[in-house]
Amino acid sequence: MKTKILSFIFSIFSLEIYAQAVSNQSSNMAEGMRSNGKIYVVVAVLVTILLGLIAYLIRIDKNVSILEKEIKQQ
């Protein structure tokens, strides 16, 4: 369990470092999208996708929990 947690923390830090490197390279594109107002559309689409994935995972978890209870009762 500790190795999973440590690997998760390490991956978060490595992603942060990679994101900073990429943001320094592509700031012109971001500035262009920000000036046109398109960055808000991109953020809205990403938030919608993430919320959909979270809702889907919660629904699957509930279904699995119900099935586990049925199996334990038998």
N, C-alpha and C. Protein backbone atom coordinates (compact mmCIF):
# COMPACT_ATOMS: atom_id res chain seq x y z
N MET A 1 0.82 -1.19 0.00
CA MET A 1 0.00 0.00 0.00
C MET A 1 0.87 1.26 0.00
N LYS A 2 1.96 1.22 0.75
CA LYS A 2 2.83 2.39 0.82
C LYS A 2 3.47 2.68 -0.54
N THR A 3 3.79 1.62 -1.27
CA THR A 3 4.41 1.83 -2.58
C THR A 3 3.43 2.47 -3.54
N LYS A 4 2.16 2.10 -3.44
CA LYS A 4 1.15 2.72 -4.30
C LYS A 4 1.00 4.20 -3.99
N ILE A 5 0.98 4.53 -2.72
CA ILE A 5 0.84 5.92 -2.32
C ILE A 5 2.06 6.73 -2.75
N LEU A 6 3.23 6.16 -2.53
CA LEU A 6 4.45 6.87 -2.93
C LEU A 6 4.54 7.04 -4.43
N SER A 7 4.15 6.02 -5.18
CA SER A 7 4.19 6.14 -6.64
C SER A 7 3.17 7.17 -7.11
N PHE A 8 2.00 7.24 -6.45
CA PHE A 8 1.00 8.24 -6.81
C PHE A 8 1.54 9.65 -6.55
N ILE A 9 2.15 9.85 -5.40
CA ILE A 9 2.71 11.17 -5.07
C ILE A 9 3.82 11.54 -6.05
N PHE A 10 4.67 10.58 -6.37
CA PHE A 10 5.74 10.84 -7.33
C PHE A 10 5.19 11.19 -8.70
N SER A 11 4.14 10.50 -9.13
CA SER A 11 3.56 10.80 -10.44
C SER A 11 2.92 12.18 -10.47
N ILE A 12 2.31 12.59 -9.36
CA ILE A 12 1.72 13.94 -9.30
C ILE A 12 2.81 14.99 -9.43
N PHE A 13 3.92 14.81 -8.71
CA PHE A 13 5.00 15.79 -8.80
C PHE A 13 5.63 15.80 -10.18
N SER A 14 5.79 14.63 -10.79
CA SER A 14 6.40 14.60 -12.12
C SER A 14 5.47 15.23 -13.16
N LEU A 15 4.16 15.03 -13.00
CA LEU A 15 3.22 15.67 -13.92
C LEU A 15 3.24 17.19 -13.75
N GLU A 16 3.40 17.64 -12.53
CA GLU A 16 3.46 19.09 -12.29
C GLU A 16 4.69 19.69 -12.96
N ILE A 17 5.81 19.02 -12.85
CA ILE A 17 7.04 19.52 -13.48
C ILE A 17 6.88 19.52 -14.99
N TYR A 18 6.31 18.46 -15.54
CA TYR A 18 6.09 18.38 -16.99
C TYR A 18 5.13 19.48 -17.45
N ALA A 19 4.08 19.73 -16.68
CA ALA A 19 3.10 20.76 -17.05
C ALA A 19 3.74 22.14 -17.06
N GLN A 20 4.61 22.40 -16.11
CA GLN A 20 5.29 23.69 -16.08
C GLN A 20 6.20 23.85 -17.29
N ALA A 21 6.88 22.79 -17.69
CA ALA A 21 7.76 22.87 -18.86
C ALA A 21 6.96 23.11 -20.13
N VAL A 22 5.83 22.43 -20.25
CA VAL A 22 4.99 22.60 -21.44
C VAL A 22 4.36 23.98 -21.46
N SER A 23 3.95 24.48 -20.30
CA SER A 23 3.31 25.79 -20.26
C SER A 23 4.29 26.90 -20.65
N ASN A 24 5.54 26.74 -20.34
CA ASN A 24 6.52 27.74 -20.73
C ASN A 24 6.70 27.75 -22.24
N GLN A 25 6.57 26.60 -22.89
CA GLN A 25 6.76 26.52 -24.32
C GLN A 25 5.55 27.01 -25.10
N SER A 26 4.35 26.73 -24.61
CA SER A 26 3.16 27.03 -25.39
C SER A 26 2.36 28.20 -24.83
N SER A 27 3.01 29.17 -24.27
CA SER A 27 2.27 30.29 -23.69
C SER A 27 1.67 31.18 -24.77
N ASN A 28 2.26 31.19 -25.96
CA ASN A 28 1.69 32.01 -27.04
C ASN A 28 0.30 31.51 -27.43
N MET A 29 0.14 30.19 -27.52
CA MET A 29 -1.16 29.64 -27.86
C MET A 29 -2.16 29.94 -26.76
N ALA A 30 -1.76 29.81 -25.52
CA ALA A 30 -2.66 30.08 -24.40
C ALA A 30 -3.07 31.56 -24.38
N GLU A 31 -2.12 32.42 -24.65
CA GLU A 31 -2.45 33.86 -24.69
C GLU A 31 -3.44 34.17 -25.80
N GLY A 32 -3.26 33.53 -26.95
CA GLY A 32 -4.19 33.73 -28.06
C GLY A 32 -5.58 33.24 -27.72
N MET A 33 -5.68 32.08 -27.09
CA MET A 33 -6.99 31.54 -26.72
C MET A 33 -7.63 32.38 -25.62
N ARG A 34 -6.82 32.87 -24.71
CA ARG A 34 -7.34 33.70 -23.63
C ARG A 34 -7.86 35.02 -24.17
N SER A 35 -7.15 35.58 -25.13
CA SER A 35 -7.59 36.88 -25.67
C SER A 35 -8.87 36.74 -26.49
N ASN A 36 -9.08 35.58 -27.11
CA ASN A 36 -10.30 35.37 -27.88
C ASN A 36 -11.46 34.85 -27.03
N GLY A 37 -11.19 34.46 -25.82
CA GLY A 37 -12.22 33.93 -24.94
C GLY A 37 -12.49 32.46 -25.14
N LYS A 38 -11.70 31.78 -25.97
CA LYS A 38 -11.93 30.37 -26.23
C LYS A 38 -11.43 29.48 -25.10
N ILE A 39 -10.58 30.00 -24.26
CA ILE A 39 -10.06 29.19 -23.17
C ILE A 39 -11.18 28.77 -22.22
N TYR A 40 -12.20 29.59 -22.09
CA TYR A 40 -13.31 29.26 -21.22
C TYR A 40 -14.12 28.10 -21.79
N VAL A 41 -14.21 28.01 -23.11
CA VAL A 41 -14.89 26.89 -23.74
C VAL A 41 -14.12 25.59 -23.47
N VAL A 42 -12.81 25.65 -23.59
CA VAL A 42 -11.98 24.48 -23.34
C VAL A 42 -12.12 24.03 -21.89
N VAL A 43 -12.08 24.96 -20.97
CA VAL A 43 -12.22 24.64 -19.55
C VAL A 43 -13.60 24.06 -19.27
N ALA A 44 -14.63 24.60 -19.87
CA ALA A 44 -15.99 24.09 -19.67
C ALA A 44 -16.12 22.66 -20.19
N VAL A 45 -15.54 22.38 -21.33
CA VAL A 45 -15.60 21.02 -21.88
C VAL A 45 -14.86 20.04 -20.98
N LEU A 46 -13.68 20.43 -20.50
CA LEU A 46 -12.92 19.55 -19.62
C LEU A 46 -13.65 19.29 -18.31
N VAL A 47 -14.25 20.31 -17.75
CA VAL A 47 -14.99 20.14 -16.49
C VAL A 47 -16.19 19.24 -16.72
N THR A 48 -16.88 19.39 -17.84
CA THR A 48 -18.03 18.55 -18.15
C THR A 48 -17.61 17.09 -18.28
N ILE A 49 -16.51 16.85 -18.97
CA ILE A 49 -16.03 15.47 -19.15
C ILE A 49 -15.64 14.87 -17.79
N LEU A 50 -14.93 15.63 -16.97
CA LEU A 50 -14.52 15.11 -15.66
C LEU A 50 -15.73 14.84 -14.76
N LEU A 51 -16.71 15.72 -14.77
CA LEU A 51 -17.91 15.49 -13.96
C LEU A 51 -18.67 14.26 -14.45
N GLY A 52 -18.71 14.07 -15.76
CA GLY A 52 -19.36 12.88 -16.30
C GLY A 52 -18.66 11.61 -15.89
N LEU A 53 -17.33 11.62 -15.92
CA LEU A 53 -16.56 10.45 -15.50
C LEU A 53 -16.76 10.15 -14.01
N ILE A 54 -16.78 11.18 -13.20
CA ILE A 54 -16.99 11.00 -11.76
C ILE A 54 -18.38 10.44 -11.49
N ALA A 55 -19.39 10.96 -12.16
CA ALA A 55 -20.76 10.46 -11.98
C ALA A 55 -20.85 9.01 -12.43
N TYR A 56 -20.20 8.67 -13.53
CA TYR A 56 -20.20 7.29 -14.03
C TYR A 56 -19.54 6.35 -13.03
N LEU A 57 -18.43 6.76 -12.45
CA LEU A 57 -17.73 5.92 -11.48
C LEU A 57 -18.56 5.73 -10.21
N ILE A 58 -19.25 6.77 -9.78
CA ILE A 58 -20.10 6.66 -8.59
C ILE A 58 -21.25 5.69 -8.86
N ARG A 59 -21.84 5.79 -10.05
CA ARG A 59 -22.94 4.89 -10.39
C ARG A 59 -22.47 3.43 -10.45
N ILE A 60 -21.32 3.21 -11.03
CA ILE A 60 -20.78 1.84 -11.11
C ILE A 60 -20.47 1.33 -9.70
N ASP A 61 -19.94 2.18 -8.84
CA ASP A 61 -19.64 1.77 -7.47
C ASP A 61 -20.90 1.35 -6.74
N LYS A 62 -21.98 2.08 -6.92
CA LYS A 62 -23.24 1.72 -6.27
C LYS A 62 -23.75 0.38 -6.78
N ASN A 63 -23.65 0.17 -8.10
CA ASN A 63 -24.11 -1.10 -8.67
C ASN A 63 -23.27 -2.27 -8.16
N VAL A 64 -21.98 -2.08 -8.06
CA VAL A 64 -21.11 -3.14 -7.56
C VAL A 64 -21.41 -3.42 -6.09
N SER A 65 -21.67 -2.39 -5.33
CA SER A 65 -22.01 -2.57 -3.92
C SER A 65 -23.29 -3.39 -3.76
N ILE A 66 -24.27 -3.12 -4.59
CA ILE A 66 -25.53 -3.87 -4.55
C ILE A 66 -25.27 -5.33 -4.90
N LEU A 67 -24.48 -5.57 -5.92
CA LEU A 67 -24.17 -6.94 -6.31
C LEU A 67 -23.38 -7.68 -5.21
N GLU A 68 -22.47 -6.98 -4.56
CA GLU A 68 -21.72 -7.60 -3.47
C GLU A 68 -22.64 -7.99 -2.31
N LYS A 69 -23.61 -7.14 -2.00
CA LYS A 69 -24.55 -7.45 -0.93
C LYS A 69 -25.39 -8.66 -1.30
N GLU A 70 -25.80 -8.77 -2.57
CA GLU A 70 -26.58 -9.91 -3.02
C GLU A 70 -25.77 -11.20 -2.92
N ILE A 71 -24.50 -11.13 -3.25
CA ILE A 71 -23.65 -12.32 -3.19
C ILE A 71 -23.44 -12.75 -1.74
N LYS A 72 -23.28 -11.81 -0.84
CA LYS A 72 -23.08 -12.14 0.58
C LYS A 72 -24.33 -12.75 1.19
N GLN A 73 -25.51 -12.36 0.71
CA GLN A 73 -26.76 -12.89 1.25
C GLN A 73 -27.00 -14.32 0.83
N GLN A 74 -26.46 -14.74 -0.29
CA GLN A 74 -26.71 -16.09 -0.78
C GLN A 74 -25.92 -17.09 -0.07
